[in-house]
N, C-alpha and C. Protein backbone atom coordinates (compact mmCIF):
# COMPACT_ATOMS: atom_id res chain seq x y z
N MET A 1 -15.97 -14.91 -266.35
CA MET A 1 -16.78 -16.08 -266.01
C MET A 1 -18.22 -15.64 -265.76
N LEU A 2 -19.15 -16.48 -266.14
CA LEU A 2 -20.56 -16.18 -265.94
C LEU A 2 -20.93 -16.30 -264.47
N THR A 3 -21.80 -15.41 -264.03
CA THR A 3 -22.28 -15.41 -262.66
C THR A 3 -23.80 -15.30 -262.67
N ILE A 4 -24.40 -15.45 -261.51
CA ILE A 4 -25.85 -15.27 -261.39
C ILE A 4 -26.23 -13.86 -261.83
N ASN A 5 -25.42 -12.88 -261.45
CA ASN A 5 -25.71 -11.49 -261.84
C ASN A 5 -25.74 -11.33 -263.35
N THR A 6 -24.80 -11.98 -264.05
CA THR A 6 -24.76 -11.88 -265.50
C THR A 6 -26.00 -12.50 -266.11
N VAL A 7 -26.40 -13.66 -265.63
CA VAL A 7 -27.60 -14.34 -266.13
C VAL A 7 -28.83 -13.46 -265.90
N GLU A 8 -28.93 -12.89 -264.72
CA GLU A 8 -30.07 -12.02 -264.42
C GLU A 8 -30.07 -10.76 -265.30
N LEU A 9 -28.90 -10.21 -265.55
CA LEU A 9 -28.78 -9.04 -266.41
C LEU A 9 -29.27 -9.35 -267.82
N PHE A 10 -28.87 -10.48 -268.36
CA PHE A 10 -29.32 -10.87 -269.69
C PHE A 10 -30.83 -11.10 -269.71
N TYR A 11 -31.34 -11.78 -268.70
CA TYR A 11 -32.79 -12.02 -268.63
C TYR A 11 -33.54 -10.69 -268.56
N GLN A 12 -33.10 -9.81 -267.70
CA GLN A 12 -33.75 -8.50 -267.56
C GLN A 12 -33.75 -7.77 -268.90
N TYR A 13 -32.63 -7.79 -269.60
CA TYR A 13 -32.52 -7.10 -270.88
C TYR A 13 -33.51 -7.66 -271.91
N PHE A 14 -33.48 -8.98 -272.09
CA PHE A 14 -34.38 -9.60 -273.07
C PHE A 14 -35.84 -9.44 -272.68
N TYR A 15 -36.13 -9.63 -271.42
CA TYR A 15 -37.51 -9.50 -270.93
C TYR A 15 -38.03 -8.09 -271.17
N SER A 16 -37.25 -7.08 -270.79
CA SER A 16 -37.71 -5.70 -270.95
C SER A 16 -37.89 -5.34 -272.41
N HIS A 17 -37.09 -5.90 -273.29
CA HIS A 17 -37.26 -5.63 -274.72
C HIS A 17 -38.46 -6.39 -275.30
N LYS A 18 -38.69 -7.59 -274.82
CA LYS A 18 -39.84 -8.35 -275.31
C LYS A 18 -41.14 -7.65 -274.93
N TYR A 19 -41.23 -7.19 -273.71
CA TYR A 19 -42.46 -6.58 -273.22
C TYR A 19 -42.43 -5.06 -273.27
N LYS A 20 -41.42 -4.51 -273.93
CA LYS A 20 -41.30 -3.07 -274.15
C LYS A 20 -41.34 -2.26 -272.86
N GLY A 21 -40.91 -2.86 -271.78
CA GLY A 21 -40.89 -2.17 -270.49
C GLY A 21 -39.48 -1.85 -270.08
N SER A 22 -38.90 -0.81 -270.62
CA SER A 22 -37.49 -0.52 -270.37
C SER A 22 -37.19 -0.25 -268.90
N LYS A 23 -38.22 0.01 -268.10
CA LYS A 23 -38.00 0.27 -266.67
C LYS A 23 -38.03 -1.02 -265.84
N TYR A 24 -38.25 -2.16 -266.50
CA TYR A 24 -38.32 -3.43 -265.77
C TYR A 24 -37.00 -3.72 -265.07
N LYS A 25 -37.07 -4.06 -263.82
CA LYS A 25 -35.90 -4.47 -263.04
C LYS A 25 -36.19 -5.85 -262.46
N PHE A 26 -35.31 -6.78 -262.77
CA PHE A 26 -35.47 -8.14 -262.27
C PHE A 26 -35.29 -8.15 -260.76
N LYS A 27 -36.19 -8.85 -260.08
CA LYS A 27 -36.11 -8.97 -258.61
C LYS A 27 -35.77 -10.41 -258.27
N ARG A 28 -34.61 -10.59 -257.66
CA ARG A 28 -34.15 -11.93 -257.28
C ARG A 28 -34.95 -12.43 -256.08
N SER A 29 -35.32 -13.71 -256.15
CA SER A 29 -35.93 -14.38 -255.01
C SER A 29 -35.11 -15.64 -254.74
N LYS A 30 -35.44 -16.35 -253.67
CA LYS A 30 -34.74 -17.61 -253.39
C LYS A 30 -34.94 -18.58 -254.55
N ALA A 31 -36.16 -18.62 -255.08
CA ALA A 31 -36.48 -19.55 -256.17
C ALA A 31 -35.71 -19.20 -257.45
N THR A 32 -35.68 -17.91 -257.82
CA THR A 32 -34.98 -17.54 -259.05
C THR A 32 -33.47 -17.70 -258.89
N LYS A 33 -32.97 -17.43 -257.69
CA LYS A 33 -31.53 -17.63 -257.44
C LYS A 33 -31.19 -19.10 -257.61
N SER A 34 -32.03 -19.98 -257.11
CA SER A 34 -31.81 -21.41 -257.23
C SER A 34 -31.84 -21.84 -258.70
N VAL A 35 -32.78 -21.31 -259.47
CA VAL A 35 -32.88 -21.63 -260.90
C VAL A 35 -31.60 -21.21 -261.61
N CYS A 36 -31.11 -20.00 -261.30
CA CYS A 36 -29.88 -19.50 -261.93
C CYS A 36 -28.65 -20.31 -261.51
N GLU A 37 -28.57 -20.67 -260.24
CA GLU A 37 -27.45 -21.50 -259.77
C GLU A 37 -27.44 -22.85 -260.49
N ASN A 38 -28.62 -23.46 -260.62
CA ASN A 38 -28.72 -24.75 -261.32
C ASN A 38 -28.36 -24.60 -262.79
N PHE A 39 -28.74 -23.50 -263.41
CA PHE A 39 -28.38 -23.23 -264.80
C PHE A 39 -26.86 -23.18 -264.94
N LEU A 40 -26.19 -22.45 -264.05
CA LEU A 40 -24.74 -22.35 -264.12
C LEU A 40 -24.07 -23.71 -263.91
N LYS A 41 -24.65 -24.55 -263.06
CA LYS A 41 -24.13 -25.90 -262.88
C LYS A 41 -24.27 -26.71 -264.17
N LEU A 42 -25.40 -26.56 -264.85
CA LEU A 42 -25.62 -27.27 -266.13
C LEU A 42 -24.62 -26.79 -267.18
N VAL A 43 -24.41 -25.48 -267.23
CA VAL A 43 -23.45 -24.91 -268.19
C VAL A 43 -22.06 -25.45 -267.88
N ASP A 44 -21.71 -25.46 -266.60
CA ASP A 44 -20.39 -25.94 -266.19
C ASP A 44 -20.20 -27.41 -266.57
N LYS A 45 -21.21 -28.22 -266.32
CA LYS A 45 -21.13 -29.66 -266.63
C LYS A 45 -21.03 -29.89 -268.14
N HIS A 46 -21.75 -29.10 -268.91
CA HIS A 46 -21.81 -29.30 -270.36
C HIS A 46 -20.63 -28.66 -271.10
N TYR A 47 -20.18 -27.49 -270.62
CA TYR A 47 -19.15 -26.73 -271.35
C TYR A 47 -17.89 -26.43 -270.56
N ASN A 48 -17.95 -26.41 -269.26
CA ASN A 48 -16.92 -25.88 -268.36
C ASN A 48 -17.13 -24.38 -268.27
N LEU A 49 -17.65 -23.95 -267.17
CA LEU A 49 -18.04 -22.56 -266.94
C LEU A 49 -16.91 -21.57 -267.20
N GLN A 50 -15.68 -21.99 -266.99
CA GLN A 50 -14.54 -21.10 -267.18
C GLN A 50 -14.32 -20.73 -268.65
N THR A 51 -14.90 -21.49 -269.56
CA THR A 51 -14.61 -21.29 -270.98
C THR A 51 -15.74 -20.62 -271.76
N VAL A 52 -16.83 -20.27 -271.10
CA VAL A 52 -17.92 -19.59 -271.82
C VAL A 52 -18.09 -18.18 -271.28
N GLY A 53 -18.59 -17.30 -272.12
CA GLY A 53 -18.76 -15.91 -271.73
C GLY A 53 -20.06 -15.33 -272.23
N GLU A 54 -20.05 -14.02 -272.43
CA GLU A 54 -21.26 -13.31 -272.82
C GLU A 54 -21.77 -13.74 -274.19
N GLN A 55 -20.87 -14.08 -275.11
CA GLN A 55 -21.33 -14.53 -276.43
C GLN A 55 -22.19 -15.78 -276.31
N PHE A 56 -21.79 -16.69 -275.44
CA PHE A 56 -22.60 -17.88 -275.19
C PHE A 56 -23.98 -17.47 -274.68
N LEU A 57 -24.03 -16.58 -273.68
CA LEU A 57 -25.32 -16.16 -273.14
C LEU A 57 -26.17 -15.45 -274.19
N TRP A 58 -25.55 -14.64 -275.01
CA TRP A 58 -26.29 -13.95 -276.08
C TRP A 58 -26.98 -14.98 -276.98
N ASP A 59 -26.22 -15.94 -277.47
CA ASP A 59 -26.79 -16.97 -278.34
C ASP A 59 -27.86 -17.77 -277.61
N TYR A 60 -27.58 -18.10 -276.36
CA TYR A 60 -28.51 -18.89 -275.57
C TYR A 60 -29.83 -18.15 -275.37
N PHE A 61 -29.77 -16.89 -275.00
CA PHE A 61 -30.99 -16.11 -274.76
C PHE A 61 -31.74 -15.84 -276.07
N ILE A 62 -31.02 -15.61 -277.15
CA ILE A 62 -31.68 -15.45 -278.46
C ILE A 62 -32.47 -16.72 -278.76
N PHE A 63 -31.82 -17.87 -278.57
CA PHE A 63 -32.47 -19.16 -278.84
C PHE A 63 -33.72 -19.32 -277.98
N GLN A 64 -33.62 -19.09 -276.68
CA GLN A 64 -34.75 -19.31 -275.78
C GLN A 64 -35.90 -18.34 -276.03
N PHE A 65 -35.60 -17.06 -276.20
CA PHE A 65 -36.68 -16.10 -276.44
C PHE A 65 -37.30 -16.30 -277.83
N GLN A 66 -36.49 -16.75 -278.79
CA GLN A 66 -37.04 -17.08 -280.10
C GLN A 66 -37.99 -18.28 -279.98
N TYR A 67 -37.60 -19.26 -279.18
CA TYR A 67 -38.44 -20.44 -278.96
C TYR A 67 -39.80 -20.03 -278.39
N TRP A 68 -39.78 -19.20 -277.35
CA TRP A 68 -41.04 -18.79 -276.73
C TRP A 68 -41.84 -17.86 -277.63
N HIS A 69 -41.17 -17.10 -278.45
CA HIS A 69 -41.89 -16.28 -279.43
C HIS A 69 -42.61 -17.18 -280.43
N ASP A 70 -41.88 -18.18 -280.94
CA ASP A 70 -42.45 -19.10 -281.93
C ASP A 70 -43.58 -19.94 -281.33
N ALA A 71 -43.41 -20.35 -280.10
CA ALA A 71 -44.42 -21.18 -279.45
C ALA A 71 -45.64 -20.37 -279.03
N ALA A 72 -45.44 -19.06 -278.89
CA ALA A 72 -46.51 -18.16 -278.44
C ALA A 72 -47.20 -18.72 -277.19
N LEU A 73 -46.38 -19.32 -276.34
CA LEU A 73 -46.89 -19.93 -275.13
C LEU A 73 -46.46 -19.08 -273.95
N GLU A 74 -47.41 -18.59 -273.20
CA GLU A 74 -47.08 -17.80 -272.03
C GLU A 74 -47.81 -18.34 -270.82
N ASN A 75 -47.30 -18.03 -269.68
CA ASN A 75 -47.90 -18.44 -268.43
C ASN A 75 -49.29 -17.80 -268.32
N PRO A 76 -50.36 -18.59 -268.23
CA PRO A 76 -51.71 -18.02 -268.22
C PRO A 76 -52.00 -17.20 -266.96
N TYR A 77 -51.20 -17.34 -265.93
CA TYR A 77 -51.45 -16.62 -264.69
C TYR A 77 -50.77 -15.26 -264.65
N SER A 78 -49.59 -15.18 -265.21
CA SER A 78 -48.87 -13.92 -265.11
C SER A 78 -48.59 -13.27 -266.45
N LYS A 79 -48.91 -13.95 -267.54
CA LYS A 79 -48.75 -13.40 -268.89
C LYS A 79 -47.31 -12.94 -269.17
N GLU A 80 -46.36 -13.73 -268.75
CA GLU A 80 -44.97 -13.36 -268.98
C GLU A 80 -44.11 -14.60 -269.20
N THR A 81 -42.94 -14.38 -269.76
CA THR A 81 -41.96 -15.44 -269.91
C THR A 81 -41.12 -15.49 -268.65
N LEU A 82 -41.28 -16.53 -267.88
CA LEU A 82 -40.58 -16.65 -266.59
C LEU A 82 -39.11 -17.03 -266.79
N ILE A 83 -38.29 -16.65 -265.84
CA ILE A 83 -36.86 -16.94 -265.95
C ILE A 83 -36.61 -18.46 -265.98
N ALA A 84 -37.43 -19.22 -265.27
CA ALA A 84 -37.27 -20.68 -265.26
C ALA A 84 -37.52 -21.27 -266.65
N TRP A 85 -38.35 -20.61 -267.46
CA TRP A 85 -38.61 -21.08 -268.82
C TRP A 85 -37.40 -20.85 -269.72
N VAL A 86 -36.54 -19.94 -269.30
CA VAL A 86 -35.39 -19.56 -270.12
C VAL A 86 -34.11 -20.26 -269.66
N VAL A 87 -33.92 -20.39 -268.35
CA VAL A 87 -32.68 -21.00 -267.85
C VAL A 87 -32.92 -22.25 -267.00
N GLY A 88 -34.14 -22.74 -266.98
CA GLY A 88 -34.43 -23.96 -266.23
C GLY A 88 -33.86 -25.20 -266.92
N LYS A 89 -33.99 -26.34 -266.27
CA LYS A 89 -33.42 -27.59 -266.78
C LYS A 89 -33.99 -27.96 -268.14
N LYS A 90 -35.31 -27.87 -268.31
CA LYS A 90 -35.93 -28.21 -269.60
C LYS A 90 -35.45 -27.26 -270.70
N ALA A 91 -35.31 -25.99 -270.35
CA ALA A 91 -34.82 -25.00 -271.33
C ALA A 91 -33.40 -25.35 -271.75
N PHE A 92 -32.56 -25.73 -270.78
CA PHE A 92 -31.18 -26.07 -271.12
C PHE A 92 -31.14 -27.33 -271.98
N GLU A 93 -31.98 -28.30 -271.67
CA GLU A 93 -32.04 -29.52 -272.49
C GLU A 93 -32.49 -29.19 -273.92
N ARG A 94 -33.43 -28.25 -274.05
CA ARG A 94 -33.87 -27.81 -275.38
C ARG A 94 -32.69 -27.19 -276.12
N TRP A 95 -31.91 -26.36 -275.41
CA TRP A 95 -30.73 -25.74 -276.01
C TRP A 95 -29.71 -26.80 -276.43
N ALA A 96 -29.44 -27.74 -275.55
CA ALA A 96 -28.43 -28.78 -275.85
C ALA A 96 -28.86 -29.64 -277.04
N GLY A 97 -30.17 -29.82 -277.23
CA GLY A 97 -30.67 -30.63 -278.34
C GLY A 97 -31.05 -29.84 -279.58
N ARG A 98 -30.69 -28.56 -279.61
CA ARG A 98 -31.08 -27.71 -280.75
C ARG A 98 -30.44 -28.17 -282.05
N ASP A 99 -31.02 -27.76 -283.15
CA ASP A 99 -30.42 -27.96 -284.47
C ASP A 99 -29.15 -27.11 -284.50
N GLN A 100 -28.02 -27.73 -284.76
CA GLN A 100 -26.73 -27.04 -284.69
C GLN A 100 -26.61 -25.91 -285.72
N SER A 101 -27.46 -25.89 -286.73
CA SER A 101 -27.40 -24.80 -287.70
C SER A 101 -27.75 -23.47 -287.05
N PHE A 102 -28.43 -23.52 -285.90
CA PHE A 102 -28.75 -22.29 -285.17
C PHE A 102 -27.47 -21.52 -284.83
N ASN A 103 -26.39 -22.25 -284.57
CA ASN A 103 -25.13 -21.61 -284.19
C ASN A 103 -24.65 -20.61 -285.24
N TRP A 104 -24.99 -20.85 -286.49
CA TRP A 104 -24.54 -19.98 -287.57
C TRP A 104 -25.61 -18.99 -288.02
N THR A 105 -26.82 -19.14 -287.48
CA THR A 105 -27.90 -18.25 -287.91
C THR A 105 -28.50 -17.43 -286.77
N SER A 106 -27.93 -17.52 -285.58
CA SER A 106 -28.51 -16.84 -284.42
C SER A 106 -28.60 -15.32 -284.62
N ASP A 107 -27.65 -14.75 -285.36
CA ASP A 107 -27.68 -13.30 -285.58
C ASP A 107 -28.77 -12.86 -286.54
N LYS A 108 -29.49 -13.83 -287.12
CA LYS A 108 -30.59 -13.51 -288.03
C LYS A 108 -31.95 -13.86 -287.42
N ALA A 109 -31.99 -14.15 -286.15
CA ALA A 109 -33.25 -14.51 -285.49
C ALA A 109 -34.25 -13.36 -285.57
N ILE A 110 -35.50 -13.71 -285.76
CA ILE A 110 -36.58 -12.72 -285.91
C ILE A 110 -36.66 -11.78 -284.72
N ILE A 111 -36.47 -12.32 -283.53
CA ILE A 111 -36.66 -11.49 -282.33
C ILE A 111 -35.64 -10.36 -282.21
N ILE A 112 -34.51 -10.46 -282.89
CA ILE A 112 -33.51 -9.40 -282.79
C ILE A 112 -34.11 -8.07 -283.25
N ASN A 113 -34.77 -8.09 -284.40
CA ASN A 113 -35.43 -6.87 -284.88
C ASN A 113 -36.75 -6.61 -284.16
N LEU A 114 -37.51 -7.68 -283.93
CA LEU A 114 -38.82 -7.53 -283.30
C LEU A 114 -38.72 -6.92 -281.91
N TYR A 115 -37.75 -7.38 -281.12
CA TYR A 115 -37.58 -6.87 -279.76
C TYR A 115 -36.57 -5.72 -279.69
N ALA A 116 -35.93 -5.44 -280.81
CA ALA A 116 -34.90 -4.38 -280.88
C ALA A 116 -33.77 -4.63 -279.88
N VAL A 117 -33.28 -5.87 -279.85
CA VAL A 117 -32.15 -6.20 -278.98
C VAL A 117 -30.86 -6.03 -279.78
N GLN A 118 -29.85 -5.52 -279.12
CA GLN A 118 -28.55 -5.31 -279.75
C GLN A 118 -27.45 -5.79 -278.83
N LYS A 119 -26.60 -6.58 -279.38
CA LYS A 119 -25.50 -7.14 -278.60
C LYS A 119 -24.70 -6.04 -277.91
N LYS A 120 -24.47 -4.95 -278.61
CA LYS A 120 -23.63 -3.88 -278.05
C LYS A 120 -24.24 -3.26 -276.79
N ASP A 121 -25.57 -3.25 -276.69
CA ASP A 121 -26.21 -2.71 -275.48
C ASP A 121 -25.77 -3.50 -274.25
N LEU A 122 -25.83 -4.79 -274.37
CA LEU A 122 -25.56 -5.67 -273.24
C LEU A 122 -24.06 -5.81 -273.00
N PHE A 123 -23.31 -6.03 -274.07
CA PHE A 123 -21.89 -6.27 -273.91
C PHE A 123 -21.17 -5.01 -273.43
N THR A 124 -21.57 -3.85 -273.90
CA THR A 124 -20.93 -2.61 -273.49
C THR A 124 -21.09 -2.40 -272.00
N VAL A 125 -22.31 -2.56 -271.50
CA VAL A 125 -22.56 -2.38 -270.07
C VAL A 125 -21.78 -3.41 -269.27
N HIS A 126 -21.87 -4.67 -269.66
CA HIS A 126 -21.25 -5.72 -268.87
C HIS A 126 -19.73 -5.68 -269.00
N GLU A 127 -19.21 -5.43 -270.20
CA GLU A 127 -17.77 -5.40 -270.37
C GLU A 127 -17.15 -4.23 -269.62
N HIS A 128 -17.87 -3.11 -269.54
CA HIS A 128 -17.37 -1.98 -268.76
C HIS A 128 -17.20 -2.40 -267.30
N GLU A 129 -18.19 -3.13 -266.77
CA GLU A 129 -18.09 -3.62 -265.40
C GLU A 129 -16.88 -4.52 -265.26
N GLN A 130 -16.63 -5.36 -266.26
CA GLN A 130 -15.51 -6.29 -266.18
C GLN A 130 -14.18 -5.54 -266.19
N ILE A 131 -14.04 -4.55 -267.06
CA ILE A 131 -12.79 -3.80 -267.14
C ILE A 131 -12.54 -3.08 -265.81
N VAL A 132 -13.57 -2.49 -265.24
CA VAL A 132 -13.42 -1.82 -263.95
C VAL A 132 -12.97 -2.82 -262.90
N ASN A 133 -13.61 -4.00 -262.87
CA ASN A 133 -13.23 -5.01 -261.89
C ASN A 133 -11.83 -5.53 -262.13
N VAL A 134 -11.45 -5.69 -263.38
CA VAL A 134 -10.14 -6.22 -263.72
C VAL A 134 -9.05 -5.27 -263.23
N ASN A 135 -9.29 -3.97 -263.32
CA ASN A 135 -8.27 -3.00 -262.94
C ASN A 135 -7.99 -2.99 -261.44
N ARG A 136 -8.79 -3.64 -260.65
CA ARG A 136 -8.57 -3.70 -259.21
C ARG A 136 -7.43 -4.64 -258.83
N PHE A 137 -7.04 -5.52 -259.73
CA PHE A 137 -6.04 -6.53 -259.43
C PHE A 137 -4.64 -5.97 -259.66
N ASP A 138 -3.96 -5.63 -258.60
CA ASP A 138 -2.60 -5.13 -258.72
C ASP A 138 -1.59 -6.28 -258.62
N SER A 139 -2.03 -7.40 -258.12
CA SER A 139 -1.11 -8.48 -257.79
C SER A 139 -1.04 -9.57 -258.86
N SER A 140 -1.61 -9.34 -260.03
CA SER A 140 -1.62 -10.38 -261.06
C SER A 140 -0.21 -10.89 -261.39
N ALA A 141 0.72 -9.96 -261.61
CA ALA A 141 2.08 -10.36 -261.98
C ALA A 141 2.74 -11.20 -260.88
N ARG A 142 2.53 -10.80 -259.63
CA ARG A 142 3.11 -11.54 -258.50
C ARG A 142 2.54 -12.96 -258.44
N ILE A 143 1.24 -13.07 -258.59
CA ILE A 143 0.59 -14.40 -258.54
C ILE A 143 1.08 -15.26 -259.70
N ARG A 144 1.18 -14.67 -260.89
CA ARG A 144 1.66 -15.43 -262.06
C ARG A 144 3.07 -15.98 -261.79
N ARG A 145 3.94 -15.13 -261.26
CA ARG A 145 5.32 -15.56 -260.98
C ARG A 145 5.35 -16.65 -259.92
N GLN A 146 4.60 -16.44 -258.85
CA GLN A 146 4.63 -17.36 -257.72
C GLN A 146 4.13 -18.76 -258.09
N PHE A 147 3.12 -18.84 -258.95
CA PHE A 147 2.50 -20.13 -259.25
C PHE A 147 2.80 -20.63 -260.66
N LEU A 148 3.76 -20.02 -261.35
CA LEU A 148 4.07 -20.37 -262.73
C LEU A 148 4.31 -21.87 -262.92
N ASN A 149 3.52 -22.46 -263.78
CA ASN A 149 3.62 -23.87 -264.17
C ASN A 149 3.56 -24.87 -263.01
N SER A 150 2.97 -24.45 -261.90
CA SER A 150 2.76 -25.39 -260.79
C SER A 150 1.42 -26.09 -260.99
N ASP A 151 1.17 -27.12 -260.18
CA ASP A 151 -0.08 -27.88 -260.30
C ASP A 151 -1.30 -26.98 -260.11
N SER A 152 -1.22 -26.06 -259.18
CA SER A 152 -2.37 -25.19 -258.90
C SER A 152 -2.27 -23.83 -259.61
N GLY A 153 -1.20 -23.63 -260.36
CA GLY A 153 -0.95 -22.33 -260.97
C GLY A 153 -2.03 -21.83 -261.89
N PHE A 154 -2.49 -22.68 -262.79
CA PHE A 154 -3.50 -22.26 -263.76
C PHE A 154 -4.80 -21.89 -263.05
N ALA A 155 -5.18 -22.70 -262.07
CA ALA A 155 -6.40 -22.41 -261.31
C ALA A 155 -6.26 -21.09 -260.56
N MET A 156 -5.09 -20.84 -260.00
CA MET A 156 -4.85 -19.58 -259.30
C MET A 156 -4.94 -18.40 -260.25
N CYS A 157 -4.38 -18.54 -261.43
CA CYS A 157 -4.45 -17.45 -262.41
C CYS A 157 -5.89 -17.17 -262.84
N ILE A 158 -6.64 -18.22 -263.08
CA ILE A 158 -8.04 -18.04 -263.48
C ILE A 158 -8.82 -17.32 -262.38
N GLU A 159 -8.57 -17.70 -261.16
CA GLU A 159 -9.33 -17.15 -260.04
C GLU A 159 -8.88 -15.76 -259.62
N PHE A 160 -7.57 -15.47 -259.66
CA PHE A 160 -7.07 -14.26 -259.02
C PHE A 160 -6.30 -13.29 -259.91
N THR A 161 -6.21 -13.55 -261.21
CA THR A 161 -5.49 -12.60 -262.07
C THR A 161 -6.39 -12.14 -263.20
N THR A 162 -5.83 -11.29 -264.02
CA THR A 162 -6.56 -10.76 -265.19
C THR A 162 -6.29 -11.62 -266.43
N LEU A 163 -5.84 -12.83 -266.21
CA LEU A 163 -5.58 -13.83 -267.25
C LEU A 163 -4.40 -13.43 -268.13
N PHE A 164 -4.31 -14.01 -269.31
CA PHE A 164 -3.12 -13.87 -270.16
C PHE A 164 -2.81 -12.41 -270.49
N ASP A 165 -1.55 -12.04 -270.24
CA ASP A 165 -1.08 -10.70 -270.56
C ASP A 165 0.27 -10.83 -271.27
N PRO A 166 0.31 -10.52 -272.57
CA PRO A 166 1.56 -10.69 -273.32
C PRO A 166 2.71 -9.82 -272.80
N ALA A 167 2.39 -8.81 -272.02
CA ALA A 167 3.43 -7.95 -271.44
C ALA A 167 4.09 -8.58 -270.22
N ASP A 168 3.50 -9.64 -269.69
CA ASP A 168 4.04 -10.31 -268.50
C ASP A 168 4.92 -11.49 -268.94
N LYS A 169 6.17 -11.49 -268.49
CA LYS A 169 7.11 -12.55 -268.87
C LYS A 169 6.64 -13.92 -268.41
N SER A 170 5.96 -13.99 -267.26
CA SER A 170 5.47 -15.26 -266.75
C SER A 170 4.44 -15.87 -267.71
N CYS A 171 3.60 -15.04 -268.29
CA CYS A 171 2.59 -15.53 -269.23
C CYS A 171 3.25 -16.14 -270.47
N LYS A 172 4.34 -15.52 -270.91
CA LYS A 172 5.05 -16.02 -272.09
C LYS A 172 5.68 -17.40 -271.82
N LYS A 173 6.07 -17.65 -270.56
CA LYS A 173 6.69 -18.92 -270.19
C LYS A 173 5.68 -19.99 -269.77
N CYS A 174 4.43 -19.59 -269.58
CA CYS A 174 3.43 -20.49 -269.01
C CYS A 174 3.00 -21.59 -269.98
N ASN A 175 2.87 -22.80 -269.48
CA ASN A 175 2.41 -23.94 -270.28
C ASN A 175 0.94 -23.85 -270.65
N ASN A 176 0.20 -22.99 -269.94
CA ASN A 176 -1.25 -22.88 -270.16
C ASN A 176 -1.64 -21.60 -270.90
N SER A 177 -0.69 -20.95 -271.56
CA SER A 177 -0.97 -19.65 -272.16
C SER A 177 -2.03 -19.73 -273.26
N THR A 178 -2.06 -20.79 -274.04
CA THR A 178 -3.06 -20.91 -275.11
C THR A 178 -4.47 -21.02 -274.54
N GLU A 179 -4.65 -21.90 -273.56
CA GLU A 179 -5.97 -22.06 -272.94
C GLU A 179 -6.36 -20.80 -272.17
N CYS A 180 -5.42 -20.18 -271.52
CA CYS A 180 -5.68 -18.95 -270.77
C CYS A 180 -6.12 -17.83 -271.71
N THR A 181 -5.49 -17.73 -272.87
CA THR A 181 -5.87 -16.73 -273.87
C THR A 181 -7.29 -16.98 -274.35
N ALA A 182 -7.65 -18.24 -274.56
CA ALA A 182 -9.01 -18.58 -274.99
C ALA A 182 -10.04 -18.18 -273.94
N ILE A 183 -9.72 -18.39 -272.67
CA ILE A 183 -10.63 -18.01 -271.58
C ILE A 183 -10.76 -16.48 -271.52
N LEU A 184 -9.63 -15.79 -271.67
CA LEU A 184 -9.65 -14.33 -271.70
C LEU A 184 -10.55 -13.82 -272.83
N LYS A 185 -10.40 -14.39 -274.01
CA LYS A 185 -11.19 -13.96 -275.17
C LYS A 185 -12.68 -14.21 -274.95
N ALA A 186 -13.03 -15.37 -274.38
CA ALA A 186 -14.44 -15.73 -274.18
C ALA A 186 -15.10 -14.90 -273.09
N ASN A 187 -14.36 -14.55 -272.06
CA ASN A 187 -14.96 -13.90 -270.90
C ASN A 187 -14.73 -12.40 -270.81
N PHE A 188 -13.64 -11.92 -271.39
CA PHE A 188 -13.31 -10.50 -271.33
C PHE A 188 -12.88 -10.01 -272.71
N PRO A 189 -13.79 -9.99 -273.68
CA PRO A 189 -13.41 -9.65 -275.05
C PRO A 189 -12.78 -8.26 -275.20
N LEU A 190 -13.21 -7.29 -274.44
CA LEU A 190 -12.60 -5.96 -274.55
C LEU A 190 -11.15 -5.97 -274.07
N LEU A 191 -10.91 -6.63 -272.96
CA LEU A 191 -9.55 -6.74 -272.44
C LEU A 191 -8.69 -7.56 -273.40
N TYR A 192 -9.25 -8.61 -273.95
CA TYR A 192 -8.54 -9.43 -274.95
C TYR A 192 -8.11 -8.55 -276.14
N ASN A 193 -9.08 -7.77 -276.67
CA ASN A 193 -8.77 -6.90 -277.81
C ASN A 193 -7.71 -5.86 -277.45
N LYS A 194 -7.78 -5.34 -276.25
CA LYS A 194 -6.80 -4.33 -275.82
C LYS A 194 -5.40 -4.93 -275.73
N ARG A 195 -5.31 -6.16 -275.27
CA ARG A 195 -3.99 -6.78 -275.08
C ARG A 195 -3.44 -7.45 -276.33
N LEU A 196 -4.29 -8.02 -277.14
CA LEU A 196 -3.79 -8.89 -278.21
C LEU A 196 -4.11 -8.45 -279.63
N LYS A 197 -4.74 -7.32 -279.78
CA LYS A 197 -5.03 -6.88 -281.16
C LYS A 197 -4.42 -5.54 -281.44
């Protein structure tokens, strides 16, 4: 699932590549935290936050940084692309109203070569964090068994387990296994590949 940290990580990555400052570290403030929280609320309202992952953020950030590259519009006071310009309400509305053909051409955006951004840089770092965090859950099987096909079961699995695992008998019996697999694939692609490919 996307978090404020994930959004900030993506912003830091794209920003540092745009301005060629590989040492750039994003500094969170109350204002930027609020902007990121509101962005996640917009994503949740539009898509359901549980169903989008890093691929969504990759496409989203490519779109936004490409927009600002094309517009050649920068803040005259600080000479930078601010996070609010990328994940603010107007930016999200621009994304929601984009030409849908972008969905099939995002990997050919000019800024990919111009800024030297590579999906593997970001996904490798972030997915490694996810795999490490996922391995902390020893109780996934117990939770799956305890809440199997109950009203709150799917929510409990999303919140407290490592999602669909074909080796777990409870997952095979679960009424939500298809949706759970889709969430696993969107949010934890390395774990998905390890379990299902």
